Amino acid sequence: MLDVGMKAPDFTLEDKDGRRVSLADFLGTQVVLYFYPKDNTPGCTRQACAFAAAYNAFREKGVEVVGISKDSVTSHQKFAEKYDLPFILLSDPDLTAIKAYGVWQEKKLYGKLSFGVVRTTFLIDEKGMIRRIMPKVKPDTNAAEILEAL
């Protein structure tokens, strides 16, 4: 189980353009790393658009925003184009980072149990250490809460 003060697990995943991106690439920069269930769903779209609207404020503070889901590179590309998302979206179909960050969990929907990504946001400092963990965040307020925490 990850906790504040621990080193954030490194990963290397493909972005919407097929480029390989590692968490280590951001050493020296704070990172908002948010995990979300699925592109183009109502909650995930609202969350992504809220991060897009606040993106300049994050960049002014020297913070990079990175979203991760198990969707494909192609899905991310279409999602980013459709909503003009300026930040990095990473594809994790093998659940590498998703499991490393402990966000692949049992969920209950309409009385049925299944596994999926629990919407969670991590604030990672310039040295790659976890500074804040926000589990089960609300899509509409997540970006504003992180900005306030910064």
C-alpha atoms as a PDB file:
ATOM      1  CA  MET A   1       0.000   0.000   0.000  1.00  0.00           C
ATOM      2  CA  LEU A   2       1.396   3.376  -0.997  1.00  0.00           C
ATOM      3  CA  ASP A   3       1.527   6.189   1.518  1.00  0.00           C
ATOM      4  CA  VAL A   4       2.574   9.829   1.704  1.00  0.00           C
ATOM      5  CA  GLY A   5       6.357  10.118   2.008  1.00  0.00           C
ATOM      6  CA  MET A   6       7.055   6.995  -0.055  1.00  0.00           C
ATOM      7  CA  LYS A   7       8.874   6.969  -3.387  1.00  0.00           C
ATOM      8  CA  ALA A   8       6.344   6.928  -6.211  1.00  0.00           C
ATOM      9  CA  PRO A   9       6.599   3.753  -8.308  1.00  0.00           C
ATOM     10  CA  ASP A  10       8.256   4.456 -11.651  1.00  0.00           C
ATOM     11  CA  PHE A  11       6.637   3.267 -14.868  1.00  0.00           C
ATOM     12  CA  THR A  12       7.045   3.596 -18.613  1.00  0.00           C
ATOM     13  CA  LEU A  13       3.862   3.807 -20.688  1.00  0.00           C
ATOM     14  CA  GLU A  14       2.854   5.110 -24.112  1.00  0.00           C
ATOM     15  CA  ASP A  15       1.180   8.491 -24.503  1.00  0.00           C
ATOM     16  CA  LYS A  16      -1.566   9.326 -27.001  1.00  0.00           C
ATOM     17  CA  ASP A  17       1.071   9.677 -29.744  1.00  0.00           C
ATOM     18  CA  GLY A  18       2.793   6.352 -29.001  1.00  0.00           C
ATOM     19  CA  ARG A  19       5.808   7.983 -27.285  1.00  0.00           C
ATOM     20  CA  ARG A  20       7.164   6.177 -24.244  1.00  0.00           C
ATOM     21  CA  VAL A  21       6.901   8.287 -21.091  1.00  0.00           C
ATOM     22  CA  SER A  22       8.351   7.416 -17.681  1.00  0.00           C
ATOM     23  CA  LEU A  23       7.631   9.002 -14.334  1.00  0.00           C
ATOM     24  CA  ALA A  24      11.411   9.444 -14.030  1.00  0.00           C
ATOM     25  CA  ASP A  25      11.225  11.855 -16.999  1.00  0.00           C
ATOM     26  CA  PHE A  26       9.603  14.368 -14.623  1.00  0.00           C
ATOM     27  CA  LEU A  27      12.249  14.428 -11.888  1.00  0.00           C
ATOM     28  CA  GLY A  28      12.712  18.077 -10.956  1.00  0.00           C
ATOM     29  CA  THR A  29       9.030  18.809 -11.616  1.00  0.00           C
ATOM     30  CA  GLN A  30       5.954  18.284  -9.472  1.00  0.00           C
ATOM     31  CA  VAL A  31       3.423  15.929 -11.064  1.00  0.00           C
ATOM     32  CA  VAL A  32      -0.299  15.530 -10.603  1.00  0.00           C
ATOM     33  CA  LEU A  33      -0.814  11.879 -11.495  1.00  0.00           C
ATOM     34  CA  TYR A  34      -4.458  10.997 -11.812  1.00  0.00           C
ATOM     35  CA  PHE A  35      -5.941   7.590 -12.525  1.00  0.00           C
ATOM     36  CA  TYR A  36      -9.386   7.376 -14.090  1.00  0.00           C
ATOM     37  CA  PRO A  37     -11.608   4.500 -15.274  1.00  0.00           C
ATOM     38  CA  LYS A  38     -12.385   5.162 -18.950  1.00  0.00           C
ATOM     39  CA  ASP A  39     -12.127   7.716 -21.756  1.00  0.00           C
ATOM     40  CA  ASN A  40     -15.334   9.383 -22.956  1.00  0.00           C
ATOM     41  CA  THR A  41     -17.478   8.443 -19.969  1.00  0.00           C
ATOM     42  CA  PRO A  42     -19.364  11.264 -18.230  1.00  0.00           C
ATOM     43  CA  GLY A  43     -17.332  11.442 -15.003  1.00  0.00           C
ATOM     44  CA  CYS A  44     -13.969  10.934 -16.678  1.00  0.00           C
ATOM     45  CA  THR A  45     -14.768  13.547 -19.309  1.00  0.00           C
ATOM     46  CA  ARG A  46     -15.761  16.100 -16.636  1.00  0.00           C
ATOM     47  CA  GLN A  47     -12.563  15.360 -14.703  1.00  0.00           C
ATOM     48  CA  ALA A  48     -10.346  15.671 -17.798  1.00  0.00           C
ATOM     49  CA  CYS A  49     -12.048  18.910 -18.872  1.00  0.00           C
ATOM     50  CA  ALA A  50     -11.595  20.357 -15.362  1.00  0.00           C
ATOM     51  CA  PHE A  51      -7.868  19.562 -15.528  1.00  0.00           C
ATOM     52  CA  ALA A  52      -7.732  21.081 -19.030  1.00  0.00           C
ATOM     53  CA  ALA A  53      -9.426  24.279 -17.809  1.00  0.00           C
ATOM     54  CA  ALA A  54      -6.943  24.547 -14.921  1.00  0.00           C
ATOM     55  CA  TYR A  55      -3.906  23.435 -16.935  1.00  0.00           C
ATOM     56  CA  ASN A  56      -2.379  26.919 -17.297  1.00  0.00           C
ATOM     57  CA  ALA A  57      -2.655  27.443 -13.536  1.00  0.00           C
ATOM     58  CA  PHE A  58      -0.836  24.140 -12.971  1.00  0.00           C
ATOM     59  CA  ARG A  59       1.889  25.068 -15.465  1.00  0.00           C
ATOM     60  CA  GLU A  60       2.334  28.504 -13.817  1.00  0.00           C
ATOM     61  CA  LYS A  61       3.110  26.611 -10.609  1.00  0.00           C
ATOM     62  CA  GLY A  62       5.575  24.381 -12.493  1.00  0.00           C
ATOM     63  CA  VAL A  63       3.350  21.320 -12.199  1.00  0.00           C
ATOM     64  CA  GLU A  64       2.756  18.738 -14.939  1.00  0.00           C
ATOM     65  CA  VAL A  65      -0.575  16.896 -15.210  1.00  0.00           C
ATOM     66  CA  VAL A  66      -0.612  13.240 -16.276  1.00  0.00           C
ATOM     67  CA  GLY A  67      -3.731  11.092 -16.633  1.00  0.00           C
ATOM     68  CA  ILE A  68      -3.615   7.285 -16.770  1.00  0.00           C
ATOM     69  CA  SER A  69      -6.272   4.742 -17.707  1.00  0.00           C
ATOM     70  CA  LYS A  70      -6.245   1.286 -19.255  1.00  0.00           C
ATOM     71  CA  ASP A  71      -7.625   2.681 -22.526  1.00  0.00           C
ATOM     72  CA  SER A  72      -5.610   2.263 -25.722  1.00  0.00           C
ATOM     73  CA  VAL A  73      -3.294   4.838 -27.261  1.00  0.00           C
ATOM     74  CA  THR A  74      -5.870   5.335 -30.046  1.00  0.00           C
ATOM     75  CA  SER A  75      -8.659   5.905 -27.537  1.00  0.00           C
ATOM     76  CA  HIS A  76      -6.522   8.483 -25.699  1.00  0.00           C
ATOM     77  CA  GLN A  77      -5.708  10.224 -28.970  1.00  0.00           C
ATOM     78  CA  LYS A  78      -9.404  10.563 -29.873  1.00  0.00           C
ATOM     79  CA  PHE A  79     -10.334  11.623 -26.315  1.00  0.00           C
ATOM     80  CA  ALA A  80      -7.620  14.307 -26.223  1.00  0.00           C
ATOM     81  CA  GLU A  81      -8.572  15.642 -29.662  1.00  0.00           C
ATOM     82  CA  LYS A  82     -12.316  15.666 -28.937  1.00  0.00           C
ATOM     83  CA  TYR A  83     -11.937  17.685 -25.720  1.00  0.00           C
ATOM     84  CA  ASP A  84      -8.725  19.594 -26.575  1.00  0.00           C
ATOM     85  CA  LEU A  85      -6.836  18.130 -23.613  1.00  0.00           C
ATOM     86  CA  PRO A  86      -3.400  19.795 -23.315  1.00  0.00           C
ATOM     87  CA  PHE A  87      -1.862  17.397 -20.794  1.00  0.00           C
ATOM     88  CA  ILE A  88      -0.350  13.923 -21.077  1.00  0.00           C
ATOM     89  CA  LEU A  89      -2.586  10.854 -21.225  1.00  0.00           C
ATOM     90  CA  LEU A  90      -0.888   7.489 -20.762  1.00  0.00           C
ATOM     91  CA  SER A  91      -2.205   4.107 -21.825  1.00  0.00           C
ATOM     92  CA  ASP A  92      -1.860   1.245 -19.310  1.00  0.00           C
ATOM     93  CA  PRO A  93      -3.657  -1.751 -20.869  1.00  0.00           C
ATOM     94  CA  ASP A  94      -1.503  -4.219 -18.889  1.00  0.00           C
ATOM     95  CA  LEU A  95      -2.371  -2.416 -15.610  1.00  0.00           C
ATOM     96  CA  THR A  96       1.322  -1.923 -14.789  1.00  0.00           C
ATOM     97  CA  ALA A  97       1.066   1.506 -13.160  1.00  0.00           C
ATOM     98  CA  ILE A  98      -2.579   1.019 -12.186  1.00  0.00           C
ATOM     99  CA  LYS A  99      -1.681  -1.972  -9.996  1.00  0.00           C
ATOM    100  CA  ALA A 100       1.601  -0.434  -8.763  1.00  0.00           C
ATOM    101  CA  TYR A 101      -0.381   2.523  -7.418  1.00  0.00           C
ATOM    102  CA  GLY A 102      -3.054   0.274  -5.893  1.00  0.00           C
ATOM    103  CA  VAL A 103      -5.961   1.765  -7.806  1.00  0.00           C
ATOM    104  CA  TRP A 104      -7.153  -1.531  -9.373  1.00  0.00           C
ATOM    105  CA  GLN A 105      -9.757  -2.497  -6.826  1.00  0.00           C
ATOM    106  CA  GLU A 106     -12.994  -4.330  -6.359  1.00  0.00           C
ATOM    107  CA  LYS A 107     -15.951  -2.085  -7.131  1.00  0.00           C
ATOM    108  CA  LYS A 108     -19.660  -2.523  -6.606  1.00  0.00           C
ATOM    109  CA  LEU A 109     -21.999  -1.228  -9.306  1.00  0.00           C
ATOM    110  CA  TYR A 110     -25.708  -1.943  -9.253  1.00  0.00           C
ATOM    111  CA  GLY A 111     -25.117  -4.731  -6.754  1.00  0.00           C
ATOM    112  CA  LYS A 112     -22.512  -6.488  -8.915  1.00  0.00           C
ATOM    113  CA  LEU A 113     -18.876  -6.834  -7.882  1.00  0.00           C
ATOM    114  CA  SER A 114     -16.125  -6.327 -10.444  1.00  0.00           C
ATOM    115  CA  PHE A 115     -12.600  -4.971 -10.614  1.00  0.00           C
ATOM    116  CA  GLY A 116     -11.758  -1.587 -12.058  1.00  0.00           C
ATOM    117  CA  VAL A 117      -9.837   1.628 -11.616  1.00  0.00           C
ATOM    118  CA  VAL A 118     -10.834   3.643  -8.565  1.00  0.00           C
ATOM    119  CA  ARG A 119     -10.531   7.334  -9.436  1.00  0.00           C
ATOM    120  CA  THR A 120      -7.443   8.429  -7.444  1.00  0.00           C
ATOM    121  CA  THR A 121      -5.025  11.351  -7.677  1.00  0.00           C
ATOM    122  CA  PHE A 122      -1.420  11.524  -6.458  1.00  0.00           C
ATOM    123  CA  LEU A 123       0.712  14.631  -6.031  1.00  0.00           C
ATOM    124  CA  ILE A 124       4.352  13.717  -6.599  1.00  0.00           C
ATOM    125  CA  ASP A 125       7.138  16.136  -5.724  1.00  0.00           C
ATOM    126  CA  GLU A 126      10.287  17.061  -7.651  1.00  0.00           C
ATOM    127  CA  LYS A 127      12.230  14.170  -6.097  1.00  0.00           C
ATOM    128  CA  GLY A 128       9.656  11.543  -7.039  1.00  0.00           C
ATOM    129  CA  MET A 129       8.136  11.273  -3.560  1.00  0.00           C
ATOM    130  CA  ILE A 130       4.397  11.009  -2.927  1.00  0.00           C
ATOM    131  CA  ARG A 131       3.243  14.192  -1.185  1.00  0.00           C
ATOM    132  CA  ARG A 132      -0.511  13.682  -1.305  1.00  0.00           C
ATOM    133  CA  ILE A 133      -2.954  10.872  -2.097  1.00  0.00           C
ATOM    134  CA  MET A 134      -6.568  11.656  -2.884  1.00  0.00           C
ATOM    135  CA  PRO A 135      -8.647   8.450  -3.138  1.00  0.00           C
ATOM    136  CA  LYS A 136     -12.139   8.264  -4.646  1.00  0.00           C
ATOM    137  CA  VAL A 137     -12.038  11.878  -5.825  1.00  0.00           C
ATOM    138  CA  LYS A 138     -14.992  13.708  -7.321  1.00  0.00           C
ATOM    139  CA  PRO A 139     -14.471  14.383 -11.041  1.00  0.00           C
ATOM    140  CA  ASP A 140     -15.824  17.935 -10.923  1.00  0.00           C
ATOM    141  CA  THR A 141     -13.724  19.199  -8.000  1.00  0.00           C
ATOM    142  CA  ASN A 142     -10.503  17.180  -8.218  1.00  0.00           C
ATOM    143  CA  ALA A 143      -8.463  19.713 -10.225  1.00  0.00           C
ATOM    144  CA  ALA A 144      -9.517  22.626  -7.992  1.00  0.00           C
ATOM    145  CA  GLU A 145      -8.699  20.640  -4.834  1.00  0.00           C
ATOM    146  CA  ILE A 146      -5.205  19.872  -6.109  1.00  0.00           C
ATOM    147  CA  LEU A 147      -4.608  23.511  -7.086  1.00  0.00           C
ATOM    148  CA  GLU A 148      -5.726  24.574  -3.612  1.00  0.00           C
ATOM    149  CA  ALA A 149      -3.350  22.030  -2.036  1.00  0.00           C
ATOM    150  CA  LEU A 150      -0.442  23.460  -4.053  1.00  0.00           C
END
